[in-house]
Amino acid sequence: MSKATILDELAWRGLIHQSTAEDSLRHLLATPQPVYAGFDPTAASLHCGSLLPLMMLRRFQQFGHRPIALVGGATGMIGDPSGKSQERVLLSPDVLANNVEGMRTQMARFLDFDGPAPATLVNNLDWMGSWSYVDFLRDVGKNFPINVMLAKDSVRSRLEGDESGLSYTEFSYMLLQAYDFVHLHQQHGCTLQVGGSDQWGNITAGIDLARRMGGAHLHGLTCPLLLTSDGRKMGKTESGAVWLDANLTSPYAFYQYWVNVTDSDVLMCLRFLTEIDRDEYQSLEVAVAEEPHKRTAQKRLASWLTEFIHGPEGLLVAQRASAVLFGGEISDLSDQQLVEIFPDVPSTEVTRQQLEEGIGLCDGFFMTGLAQSKSQARRTVEGGGAYINNQRVESADYVVNANDLASETVIVLRSGKKKFALLRVIPGD
């Protein structure tokens, strides 16, 4: 039985959307090759939209190929028009430099920069920053037919769209990215570019430019976009993007996003974004079909990705915080984590002195709105439905005090199974 190749791996995961001639590409990849993907430095942190191309590079590296991660310090000043309905706000050089450095740090979690097939991180500003406009037009632009650009879907859709059209700046983006491929071929021997399916026009433009400038025969491969079953980009929430930086999206919030993926999307995410093997994937496929209520696949997806991005400690915190919603013990969590877990529950402020003097449990239930009266609160306690930090309290005369703090300033009260409220301690008398 022949040994599995990177193309076999990508194929069973559904990660091949478009490619140059498969036979030729398979022959090329029979030996280790430099492979590149580009990343747009629009923020100092990568987000969930970056997971797919990063995992693509990681998979190639695991099969012995050498990944090149290109950060678009130059092209990022312009903005890729692909898939966009309007022009982006242009970023300053200082902001871009900060963003590039942040991305550089995060990529080390995905790619091995020191192993037998070491990854390389490059910034296209390093070679484009020295070009003069005239030199670039003379040496590169003359090899790029305008009709080729006009035929690309990313350009045509904007030209045929609303009145905003396409600026000359954006129109030039394709030429700059195409030259990236030429440069990486000349300087790093790169023969393959990978990216999302919306990058196919830019990839083929680079292949054509390399052929015209030096007779090179390059290759391209795209994967499907990471979209929900109803066509929306994954990694977007009401509050914004899901970031890989724990300071922007906490491990708990990151875990919650993936554990709440729908049944119709979870299997795609498992194939596209994790490294679980085919046997485990098939068992999870059965679980989704036969026992969807257990959400086994979602829990596996969330735990795999959270541990991969935030480490075992981040996963532990996320799982412990998630268990709180189902009655798990509340301890060793921070104010920020508790507020994230309970973003919409009623909150009542008490002073440090009030807490030190003690607050009757029935008073606390009444103050926070968990009970309409103190007598109702007493009945709740006597009926076994009163909890502090998810621990049942059996005495209606219990006095809440500083020992009940679940974090620095928060005490969690609960009535019944799912009715929560917070006591927030503030400075003062």
Foldseek 3Di string as FASTA:
>chain_A
DDDDALVNLCVVLQFFDDKPDPVVVVVVRVDAAEEEEEDQLPALFAFPQVQQVLLSQLSSVVRPHEYEYEYALPLNQFDALQPPQAGDDGDDSVRSVNSLVSHVVQSVLRAAQPDPRHYHYYYLCVPVVPDDPVNCCVQQVVQQDPVLLCPDPSQVCQQPDDPNRDDPSNSCSLSSLLVVLLVCCVPPVHAEYEEAPSCPSSPVSNQSSNCSNPNDHHMYTYTYGCAAPVGHHPQADPVGGGTLDCVVPNLQNQLVSQLPRDLRRLLSCCSRRADDDPVVSVVVVVCCVPPVVVSPSSNVSSLRVSCSSPNPVSSVVNVQLVCLQQLHAQAPDAPVSVCVSVVDAFEAEDEQVDQAVWDQPLNVCCRRVVDVHSVRSQVQLCVQFKDKRSHRDNDSRDTHHPVSASHDFWIWIGGHRHHIYIYGYDYDD
